[in-house]
Each structure stands twice: as structure tokens, then as C-alpha cells.
C-alpha atoms as a PDB file:
ATOM      1  CA  MET A   1     -15.794   5.249  15.003  1.00  0.00           C
ATOM      2  CA  PHE A   2     -18.094   3.814  12.328  1.00  0.00           C
ATOM      3  CA  SER A   3     -20.845   3.199  14.903  1.00  0.00           C
ATOM      4  CA  LYS A   4     -20.759   6.800  16.089  1.00  0.00           C
ATOM      5  CA  ALA A   5     -20.829   8.089  12.514  1.00  0.00           C
ATOM      6  CA  ILE A   6     -23.835   5.917  11.675  1.00  0.00           C
ATOM      7  CA  GLN A   7     -25.661   7.057  14.830  1.00  0.00           C
ATOM      8  CA  LYS A   8     -25.255  10.681  13.770  1.00  0.00           C
ATOM      9  CA  GLY A   9     -26.888   9.863  10.463  1.00  0.00           C
ATOM     10  CA  GLY A  10     -25.938  10.522   6.869  1.00  0.00           C
ATOM     11  CA  LEU A  11     -23.484   7.649   6.561  1.00  0.00           C
ATOM     12  CA  ASN A  12     -24.080   4.369   4.753  1.00  0.00           C
ATOM     13  CA  ILE A  13     -21.337   1.757   5.069  1.00  0.00           C
ATOM     14  CA  GLN A  14     -21.332  -1.235   2.721  1.00  0.00           C
ATOM     15  CA  THR A  15     -18.672  -3.646   4.002  1.00  0.00           C
ATOM     16  CA  THR A  16     -17.476  -6.743   2.107  1.00  0.00           C
ATOM     17  CA  THR A  17     -18.926  -5.239  -1.081  1.00  0.00           C
ATOM     18  CA  LEU A  18     -16.883  -5.597  -4.262  1.00  0.00           C
ATOM     19  CA  ALA A  19     -16.605  -2.499  -6.448  1.00  0.00           C
ATOM     20  CA  THR A  20     -16.435  -3.838  -9.992  1.00  0.00           C
ATOM     21  CA  SER A  21     -16.301  -0.674 -12.125  1.00  0.00           C
ATOM     22  CA  ILE A  22     -16.634   3.104 -12.241  1.00  0.00           C
ATOM     23  CA  SER A  23     -18.340   4.884 -15.108  1.00  0.00           C
ATOM     24  CA  ALA A  24     -15.932   6.375 -17.647  1.00  0.00           C
ATOM     25  CA  THR A  25     -17.680   9.765 -17.436  1.00  0.00           C
ATOM     26  CA  ALA A  26     -20.036  11.526 -15.057  1.00  0.00           C
ATOM     27  CA  ASP A  27     -23.713  11.895 -15.986  1.00  0.00           C
ATOM     28  CA  GLU A  28     -25.453  15.178 -16.840  1.00  0.00           C
ATOM     29  CA  GLU A  29     -25.827  15.913 -13.117  1.00  0.00           C
ATOM     30  CA  GLY A  30     -22.124  15.391 -12.493  1.00  0.00           C
ATOM     31  CA  ARG A  31     -22.596  12.050 -10.757  1.00  0.00           C
ATOM     32  CA  TRP A  32     -20.274   9.093 -11.112  1.00  0.00           C
ATOM     33  CA  THR A  33     -21.656   5.557 -11.077  1.00  0.00           C
ATOM     34  CA  VAL A  34     -19.838   2.954  -9.008  1.00  0.00           C
ATOM     35  CA  SER A  35     -21.023  -0.563  -9.825  1.00  0.00           C
ATOM     36  CA  THR A  36     -20.783  -3.200  -7.099  1.00  0.00           C
ATOM     37  CA  ASP A  37     -21.839  -6.787  -6.609  1.00  0.00           C
ATOM     38  CA  ARG A  38     -24.793  -5.459  -4.579  1.00  0.00           C
ATOM     39  CA  GLY A  39     -25.972  -2.767  -6.978  1.00  0.00           C
ATOM     40  CA  SER A  40     -24.860   0.663  -8.172  1.00  0.00           C
ATOM     41  CA  VAL A  41     -24.116   3.860  -6.265  1.00  0.00           C
ATOM     42  CA  LYS A  42     -24.178   7.358  -7.763  1.00  0.00           C
ATOM     43  CA  ALA A  43     -22.224  10.226  -6.239  1.00  0.00           C
ATOM     44  CA  ARG A  44     -20.813  13.591  -7.282  1.00  0.00           C
ATOM     45  CA  LYS A  45     -17.682  12.945  -5.233  1.00  0.00           C
ATOM     46  CA  VAL A  46     -15.886   9.604  -5.215  1.00  0.00           C
ATOM     47  CA  ILE A  47     -12.602   8.705  -3.499  1.00  0.00           C
ATOM     48  CA  VAL A  48     -10.775   5.753  -5.018  1.00  0.00           C
ATOM     49  CA  ALA A  49      -8.745   4.249  -2.173  1.00  0.00           C
ATOM     50  CA  SER A  50      -8.243   0.753  -3.585  1.00  0.00           C
ATOM     51  CA  ASN A  51      -4.423   0.971  -3.647  1.00  0.00           C
ATOM     52  CA  SER A  52      -2.960  -1.953  -5.627  1.00  0.00           C
ATOM     53  CA  TYR A  53      -6.337  -2.713  -7.259  1.00  0.00           C
ATOM     54  CA  THR A  54      -6.855   0.840  -8.559  1.00  0.00           C
ATOM     55  CA  PRO A  55      -6.005  -0.074 -12.202  1.00  0.00           C
ATOM     56  CA  GLY A  56      -8.973  -2.445 -12.199  1.00  0.00           C
ATOM     57  CA  LEU A  57     -11.283   0.540 -11.687  1.00  0.00           C
ATOM     58  CA  LEU A  58      -9.363   3.352 -13.388  1.00  0.00           C
ATOM     59  CA  PRO A  59      -7.601   2.344 -16.635  1.00  0.00           C
ATOM     60  CA  GLU A  60      -5.383   5.448 -16.572  1.00  0.00           C
ATOM     61  CA  TYR A  61      -3.635   4.019 -13.505  1.00  0.00           C
ATOM     62  CA  ARG A  62      -2.453   0.913 -15.297  1.00  0.00           C
ATOM     63  CA  ASP A  63       1.365   1.047 -14.947  1.00  0.00           C
ATOM     64  CA  GLN A  64       0.936   4.015 -12.578  1.00  0.00           C
ATOM     65  CA  ILE A  65      -0.064   2.091  -9.452  1.00  0.00           C
ATOM     66  CA  ILE A  66       1.535  -1.326  -9.690  1.00  0.00           C
ATOM     67  CA  PRO A  67       0.393  -4.375  -7.698  1.00  0.00           C
ATOM     68  CA  TYR A  68       3.456  -5.572  -5.793  1.00  0.00           C
ATOM     69  CA  ARG A  69       3.356  -9.090  -4.323  1.00  0.00           C
ATOM     70  CA  ALA A  70       5.382  -9.333  -1.121  1.00  0.00           C
ATOM     71  CA  VAL A  71       5.891 -11.449   1.982  1.00  0.00           C
ATOM     72  CA  ALA A  72       5.836 -10.967   5.760  1.00  0.00           C
ATOM     73  CA  CYS A  73       5.948 -13.170   8.853  1.00  0.00           C
ATOM     74  CA  HIS A  74       5.167 -13.354  12.563  1.00  0.00           C
ATOM     75  CA  ILE A  75       8.071 -14.400  14.798  1.00  0.00           C
ATOM     76  CA  GLU A  76       7.558 -15.688  18.348  1.00  0.00           C
ATOM     77  CA  THR A  77       9.973 -16.734  21.087  1.00  0.00           C
ATOM     78  CA  PRO A  78       9.346 -19.400  23.776  1.00  0.00           C
ATOM     79  CA  LYS A  79      11.204 -17.422  26.438  1.00  0.00           C
ATOM     80  CA  PRO A  80      11.720 -13.717  27.173  1.00  0.00           C
ATOM     81  CA  ALA A  81      13.995 -11.897  24.762  1.00  0.00           C
ATOM     82  CA  PRO A  82      15.252  -8.295  24.767  1.00  0.00           C
ATOM     83  CA  LEU A  83      12.245  -6.012  24.345  1.00  0.00           C
ATOM     84  CA  LEU A  84      12.269  -3.956  21.165  1.00  0.00           C
ATOM     85  CA  VAL A  85      10.422  -0.668  21.575  1.00  0.00           C
ATOM     86  CA  ASN A  86      10.996   0.810  18.120  1.00  0.00           C
ATOM     87  CA  THR A  87      10.115  -0.106  14.571  1.00  0.00           C
ATOM     88  CA  TYR A  88      13.121  -0.843  12.366  1.00  0.00           C
ATOM     89  CA  ALA A  89      14.194  -0.876   8.766  1.00  0.00           C
ATOM     90  CA  LEU A  90      17.155  -3.137   8.022  1.00  0.00           C
ATOM     91  CA  ARG A  91      18.666  -1.968   4.750  1.00  0.00           C
ATOM     92  CA  PHE A  92      21.208  -4.239   3.108  1.00  0.00           C
ATOM     93  CA  LYS A  93      21.308  -2.557  -0.300  1.00  0.00           C
ATOM     94  CA  ASP A  94      19.450   0.324  -1.909  1.00  0.00           C
ATOM     95  CA  TRP A  95      16.853  -2.103  -3.273  1.00  0.00           C
ATOM     96  CA  ASP A  96      17.075  -4.720  -0.500  1.00  0.00           C
ATOM     97  CA  PHE A  97      15.610  -3.950   2.907  1.00  0.00           C
ATOM     98  CA  ASP A  98      13.342  -5.451   5.567  1.00  0.00           C
ATOM     99  CA  TYR A  99      10.950  -3.780   8.000  1.00  0.00           C
ATOM    100  CA  LEU A 100      10.304  -4.880  11.554  1.00  0.00           C
ATOM    101  CA  ILE A 101       7.419  -4.074  13.919  1.00  0.00           C
ATOM    102  CA  PRO A 102       7.521  -5.298  17.551  1.00  0.00           C
ATOM    103  CA  ARG A 103       4.230  -6.254  19.189  1.00  0.00           C
ATOM    104  CA  PRO A 104       3.266  -5.697  22.855  1.00  0.00           C
ATOM    105  CA  ASP A 105       3.459  -9.445  23.578  1.00  0.00           C
ATOM    106  CA  GLY A 106       7.143  -9.510  22.573  1.00  0.00           C
ATOM    107  CA  SER A 107       6.582 -11.138  19.201  1.00  0.00           C
ATOM    108  CA  ILE A 108       7.788  -9.534  15.976  1.00  0.00           C
ATOM    109  CA  ILE A 109       6.306  -8.816  12.562  1.00  0.00           C
ATOM    110  CA  VAL A 110       8.964  -8.773   9.831  1.00  0.00           C
ATOM    111  CA  GLY A 111       8.449  -8.146   6.133  1.00  0.00           C
ATOM    112  CA  GLY A 112      10.750  -7.927   3.149  1.00  0.00           C
ATOM    113  CA  ALA A 113      12.941 -10.850   2.066  1.00  0.00           C
ATOM    114  CA  ARG A 114      13.560  -9.163  -1.288  1.00  0.00           C
ATOM    115  CA  SER A 115      16.927 -10.786  -1.772  1.00  0.00           C
ATOM    116  CA  ALA A 116      15.140 -14.150  -1.934  1.00  0.00           C
ATOM    117  CA  TYR A 117      12.811 -13.356  -4.865  1.00  0.00           C
ATOM    118  CA  PHE A 118      13.175  -9.779  -6.164  1.00  0.00           C
ATOM    119  CA  ARG A 119      15.315 -10.609  -9.185  1.00  0.00           C
ATOM    120  CA  ASP A 120      12.528 -12.760 -10.646  1.00  0.00           C
ATOM    121  CA  LYS A 121      10.170  -9.962 -11.732  1.00  0.00           C
ATOM    122  CA  GLU A 122       7.227 -12.207 -12.582  1.00  0.00           C
ATOM    123  CA  ILE A 123       6.958 -13.266  -8.943  1.00  0.00           C
ATOM    124  CA  TRP A 124       6.158  -9.804  -7.637  1.00  0.00           C
ATOM    125  CA  TYR A 125       5.717  -7.139 -10.349  1.00  0.00           C
ATOM    126  CA  ASN A 126       2.089  -6.501 -11.364  1.00  0.00           C
ATOM    127  CA  ASN A 127       1.105  -9.678  -9.508  1.00  0.00           C
ATOM    128  CA  THR A 128      -2.121  -9.822  -7.458  1.00  0.00           C
ATOM    129  CA  ASP A 129      -2.072 -13.520  -6.568  1.00  0.00           C
ATOM    130  CA  ASP A 130      -2.072 -13.667  -2.767  1.00  0.00           C
ATOM    131  CA  SER A 131      -3.523 -17.179  -2.659  1.00  0.00           C
ATOM    132  CA  LYS A 132      -0.174 -18.862  -2.091  1.00  0.00           C
ATOM    133  CA  LEU A 133       3.165 -18.096  -0.505  1.00  0.00           C
ATOM    134  CA  ILE A 134       6.203 -16.822  -2.385  1.00  0.00           C
ATOM    135  CA  GLU A 135       8.071 -20.090  -2.119  1.00  0.00           C
ATOM    136  CA  GLN A 136      11.503 -18.530  -2.674  1.00  0.00           C
ATOM    137  CA  ALA A 137      11.025 -16.583   0.587  1.00  0.00           C
ATOM    138  CA  ARG A 138       9.742 -19.450   2.732  1.00  0.00           C
ATOM    139  CA  GLY A 139      13.005 -20.034   4.624  1.00  0.00           C
ATOM    140  CA  TYR A 140      14.300 -16.459   4.603  1.00  0.00           C
ATOM    141  CA  PHE A 141      13.053 -15.544   8.094  1.00  0.00           C
ATOM    142  CA  ASP A 142      14.296 -18.705   9.835  1.00  0.00           C
ATOM    143  CA  GLY A 143      16.762 -17.545  12.506  1.00  0.00           C
ATOM    144  CA  TYR A 144      16.174 -13.932  11.471  1.00  0.00           C
ATOM    145  CA  MET A 145      16.221 -12.350  14.947  1.00  0.00           C
ATOM    146  CA  GLN A 146      19.213 -14.456  16.003  1.00  0.00           C
ATOM    147  CA  ARG A 147      21.205 -13.242  12.994  1.00  0.00           C
ATOM    148  CA  ASN A 148      20.387  -9.564  13.212  1.00  0.00           C
ATOM    149  CA  PHE A 149      19.827  -8.610  16.879  1.00  0.00           C
ATOM    150  CA  ARG A 150      22.169  -8.928  19.838  1.00  0.00           C
ATOM    151  CA  GLY A 151      20.701 -10.728  22.830  1.00  0.00           C
ATOM    152  CA  TRP A 152      18.455 -12.856  20.634  1.00  0.00           C
ATOM    153  CA  GLU A 153      21.045 -15.516  19.854  1.00  0.00           C
ATOM    154  CA  ASP A 154      19.587 -18.023  22.355  1.00  0.00           C
ATOM    155  CA  SER A 155      16.002 -16.782  22.264  1.00  0.00           C
ATOM    156  CA  GLY A 156      14.612 -19.727  20.338  1.00  0.00           C
ATOM    157  CA  ALA A 157      12.706 -17.287  18.135  1.00  0.00           C
ATOM    158  CA  THR A 158      10.869 -19.068  15.333  1.00  0.00           C
ATOM    159  CA  VAL A 159       8.486 -18.178  12.543  1.00  0.00           C
ATOM    160  CA  LYS A 160       4.901 -18.712  13.739  1.00  0.00           C
ATOM    161  CA  GLU A 161       3.123 -17.638  10.521  1.00  0.00           C
ATOM    162  CA  ILE A 162       4.274 -16.460   7.112  1.00  0.00           C
ATOM    163  CA  TRP A 163       2.082 -15.016   4.350  1.00  0.00           C
ATOM    164  CA  THR A 164       1.926 -13.226   1.021  1.00  0.00           C
ATOM    165  CA  GLY A 165       0.146  -9.895   0.494  1.00  0.00           C
ATOM    166  CA  ILE A 166      -0.307  -7.314  -2.241  1.00  0.00           C
ATOM    167  CA  MET A 167       0.968  -3.756  -1.892  1.00  0.00           C
ATOM    168  CA  GLY A 168       0.270  -0.855  -4.247  1.00  0.00           C
ATOM    169  CA  TYR A 169       3.483   0.730  -5.524  1.00  0.00           C
ATOM    170  CA  SER A 170       3.250   4.108  -7.195  1.00  0.00           C
ATOM    171  CA  ARG A 171       5.274   4.251 -10.399  1.00  0.00           C
ATOM    172  CA  ASP A 172       7.459   7.063  -9.034  1.00  0.00           C
ATOM    173  CA  LYS A 173       7.317   5.606  -5.490  1.00  0.00           C
ATOM    174  CA  ILE A 174       5.336   8.605  -4.213  1.00  0.00           C
ATOM    175  CA  PRO A 175       1.684   8.291  -3.065  1.00  0.00           C
ATOM    176  CA  ARG A 176      -1.063   9.638  -5.350  1.00  0.00           C
ATOM    177  CA  LEU A 177      -3.444  12.042  -3.601  1.00  0.00           C
ATOM    178  CA  GLY A 178      -6.082  14.577  -4.560  1.00  0.00           C
ATOM    179  CA  PRO A 179      -8.357  15.267  -7.530  1.00  0.00           C
ATOM    180  CA  ILE A 180      -7.868  13.003 -10.540  1.00  0.00           C
ATOM    181  CA  PRO A 181      -6.981  15.147 -13.573  1.00  0.00           C
ATOM    182  CA  GLY A 182      -9.848  15.413 -16.049  1.00  0.00           C
ATOM    183  CA  LYS A 183     -12.398  13.787 -13.725  1.00  0.00           C
ATOM    184  CA  LYS A 184     -14.202  16.448 -11.711  1.00  0.00           C
ATOM    185  CA  GLY A 185     -15.426  15.104  -8.397  1.00  0.00           C
ATOM    186  CA  MET A 186     -13.219  12.007  -8.429  1.00  0.00           C
ATOM    187  CA  PHE A 187     -10.276  11.745  -6.062  1.00  0.00           C
ATOM    188  CA  ILE A 188      -7.373   9.345  -5.663  1.00  0.00           C
ATOM    189  CA  MET A 189      -5.855   8.165  -2.367  1.00  0.00           C
ATOM    190  CA  ALA A 190      -3.573   5.279  -3.245  1.00  0.00           C
ATOM    191  CA  GLY A 191      -0.080   4.171  -4.236  1.00  0.00           C
ATOM    192  CA  TRP A 192       1.346   3.983  -0.729  1.00  0.00           C
ATOM    193  CA  THR A 193       4.399   2.023  -1.882  1.00  0.00           C
ATOM    194  CA  GLY A 194       4.577  -0.006   1.305  1.00  0.00           C
ATOM    195  CA  HIS A 195       4.356   2.958   3.691  1.00  0.00           C
ATOM    196  CA  GLY A 196       0.611   3.415   4.096  1.00  0.00           C
ATOM    197  CA  MET A 197       0.274   2.678   7.801  1.00  0.00           C
ATOM    198  CA  PRO A 198       2.275   5.714   9.048  1.00  0.00           C
ATOM    199  CA  GLN A 199       0.777   8.048   6.432  1.00  0.00           C
ATOM    200  CA  ILE A 200      -2.893   7.236   5.937  1.00  0.00           C
ATOM    201  CA  PHE A 201      -4.495   8.770   9.029  1.00  0.00           C
ATOM    202  CA  LEU A 202      -3.325  12.374   8.572  1.00  0.00           C
ATOM    203  CA  THR A 203      -3.700  11.971   4.819  1.00  0.00           C
ATOM    204  CA  ALA A 204      -7.354  11.017   5.281  1.00  0.00           C
ATOM    205  CA  LYS A 205      -7.858  14.148   7.371  1.00  0.00           C
ATOM    206  CA  GLY A 206      -6.488  16.316   4.565  1.00  0.00           C
ATOM    207  CA  MET A 207      -8.528  14.465   1.953  1.00  0.00           C
ATOM    208  CA  ALA A 208     -11.688  14.948   4.028  1.00  0.00           C
ATOM    209  CA  SER A 209     -11.137  18.708   4.037  1.00  0.00           C
ATOM    210  CA  MET A 210     -11.057  18.639   0.222  1.00  0.00           C
ATOM    211  CA  ILE A 211     -14.234  16.578  -0.006  1.00  0.00           C
ATOM    212  CA  ILE A 212     -16.324  18.250   2.692  1.00  0.00           C
ATOM    213  CA  ASP A 213     -15.055  21.821   2.752  1.00  0.00           C
ATOM    214  CA  ASP A 214     -13.758  22.185  -0.836  1.00  0.00           C
ATOM    215  CA  VAL A 215     -10.282  23.065   0.462  1.00  0.00           C
ATOM    216  CA  GLU A 216      -7.663  23.297  -2.281  1.00  0.00           C
ATOM    217  CA  TYR A 217      -4.950  20.646  -2.135  1.00  0.00           C
ATOM    218  CA  GLY A 218      -2.276  23.245  -1.375  1.00  0.00           C
ATOM    219  CA  ASN A 219      -4.135  24.313   1.769  1.00  0.00           C
ATOM    220  CA  THR A 220      -4.681  20.849   3.239  1.00  0.00           C
ATOM    221  CA  GLY A 221      -1.213  20.451   4.758  1.00  0.00           C
ATOM    222  CA  LEU A 222      -0.606  17.361   2.624  1.00  0.00           C
ATOM    223  CA  PRO A 223       2.894  17.044   1.086  1.00  0.00           C
ATOM    224  CA  ARG A 224       3.097  18.864  -2.235  1.00  0.00           C
ATOM    225  CA  VAL A 225       4.928  15.965  -3.900  1.00  0.00           C
ATOM    226  CA  PHE A 226       2.009  13.614  -3.140  1.00  0.00           C
ATOM    227  CA  GLU A 227      -0.432  15.634  -5.244  1.00  0.00           C
ATOM    228  CA  GLU A 228      -1.719  13.879  -8.350  1.00  0.00           C
ATOM    229  CA  THR A 229      -1.162  15.858 -11.543  1.00  0.00           C
ATOM    230  CA  ALA A 230      -1.624  15.344 -15.253  1.00  0.00           C
ATOM    231  CA  GLU A 231       2.153  15.585 -15.635  1.00  0.00           C
ATOM    232  CA  ARG A 232       2.717  12.701 -13.212  1.00  0.00           C
ATOM    233  CA  LEU A 233       0.184  10.571 -15.061  1.00  0.00           C
ATOM    234  CA  ARG A 234       1.991  11.246 -18.342  1.00  0.00           C
ATOM    235  CA  ASN A 235       5.653  11.286 -17.443  1.00  0.00           C
ATOM    236  CA  ALA A 236       6.344   9.788 -14.015  1.00  0.00           C
ATOM    237  CA  PRO A 237       9.538   7.687 -14.169  1.00  0.00           C
ATOM    238  CA  ASN A 238       9.180   4.002 -13.364  1.00  0.00           C
ATOM    239  CA  LYS A 239      11.330   3.850 -10.244  1.00  0.00           C
ATOM    240  CA  VAL A 240       9.907   0.435  -9.349  1.00  0.00           C
ATOM    241  CA  LEU A 241      11.461  -1.142 -12.420  1.00  0.00           C
ATOM    242  CA  SER A 242      14.556   0.974 -11.872  1.00  0.00           C
ATOM    243  CA  SER A 243      15.105  -0.778  -8.531  1.00  0.00           C
ATOM    244  CA  TRP A 244      14.677  -4.147 -10.244  1.00  0.00           C
ATOM    245  CA  LEU A 245      17.247  -3.250 -12.896  1.00  0.00           C
ATOM    246  CA  GLN A 246      19.655  -2.206 -10.185  1.00  0.00           C
ATOM    247  CA  ALA A 247      19.196  -5.559  -8.466  1.00  0.00           C
ATOM    248  CA  THR A 248      19.578  -7.610 -11.637  1.00  0.00           C
ATOM    249  CA  HIS A 249      22.001  -5.593 -13.754  1.00  0.00           C
ATOM    250  CA  GLY A 250      23.522  -3.040 -11.419  1.00  0.00           C
ATOM    251  CA  SER A 251      21.954  -0.187 -13.401  1.00  0.00           C
ATOM    252  CA  ARG A 252      18.866   2.023 -13.341  1.00  0.00           C
ATOM    253  CA  LEU A 253      16.355   3.351 -15.858  1.00  0.00           C
END
């Protein structure tokens, strides 16, 4: 897709390039300056799609899009096991759930393990350290398929790899899309709250119509509740911490 776009002209892709800052205001020509480790780029329209790292570029999103450190694993089996053809969410409590994605080769990707670490807020809340594993979750997925799925009891399924990653949780647990209030020409596309993969592709199509064709948000087909507003930036409830309070104290904000 990138190759075709480049061949048609008009597209410049700078991969593995770190964006370090965005100018606080646009210049007299309405252009924003994005500084990178390879130089600066000026543009009248900028989409910030940096998810959990958005607060590092836009100070107003500090405490609005929260880096959330989490864990996932890859489970393999040495012999054939019942084929799973659907994705799954295994919910144990309102705040405690896992997600499961089967792969064509019969192996499984599972993420979650909240019950192992979620009560210790420092481990995951506003944490961008993905250099090491969440140790409290290391053994959580051992025997996971055998415990939770019939027909897998004698499968020999074991954890092949396990890793830590950083998600971007929106303060109110709803993605942030559209023009950023008070910053003409700057757009937000972030805060996926762990559900980016099934939402991003059609979202990007709607965002493109705003950028290229100046379509108003309400005419893009994007969900109304995803639209970024000044009111959300001021008063969105912190439902991320509310889930933590429920887990630790049985109450909510």
C-alpha cells in the first residue's frame, strides 16, 4: 500500500523517525512544526496518532490518554488441539478480563492477566517501561488453555513467548478522534483503550475524509461519542482509575 502511494507521488514516508515535539502554536501561515530526530516538518494539517505517547507531544493530553503497561503471550501446542475460529474475551470480573486471538497455525495469542498485577497501580498506570516483563504476570498463562477450554486438557499447550507492551487508555475509555479543540489543522487519532485493531481501519477512512475533503466529523460515519471536544478535555471522568478502585476497594470514582 505504501509502495503504490509513493509511486503515485505526493507522499513522503519517514519510517523509524522519532517525533520529539510539536510547536505550541501554528505560524503566521497556519503551519505546525513537528520536530524529529532527522529534522523538522511543517504542515497545515497534522494527525497525532501516537496513542500512549501522545502526552509527550501534546501537554493537554496528560492524564487524558494514559500509558497503560500490559502483558500478552503466545501459546503453542505440540499436537493438534481443537481449532478455535473466533476471537474471545474471557471476563472474570468487571475489571478483570483476558482477550484471546487464535492464529492460522493453531497457536494462540492471549493478553490480560490483570488479576496478577492490576491492584499495584505503579506497575501499569502511566507506565511506559516496556523493557522488561511484568514479573507478577510471568506464570499467569501457564496451563491457561487447559484451564479454560474443553478439549485442551491434554493438549500440552505451553507459553512460547511472553512480553510487555504499552497501550494508550483514554481517560473515559473512549477513543479520541477528530480536530483538537483550539488547534486549527491539528487532529487526534488515539486513546484506543486496548481495542485499536478492530477499530483503526474504518476510523482512518473517516479521518482521511476530514483531512482531504474537509468533511465535518458528523458526516464521516465515525461514532459520535469518539469525537474529541473541549468538554471531554476538561471534564472527562477517569474511568481507568475507577476500575482500579473497584479492584482494590470495591468502589468507583
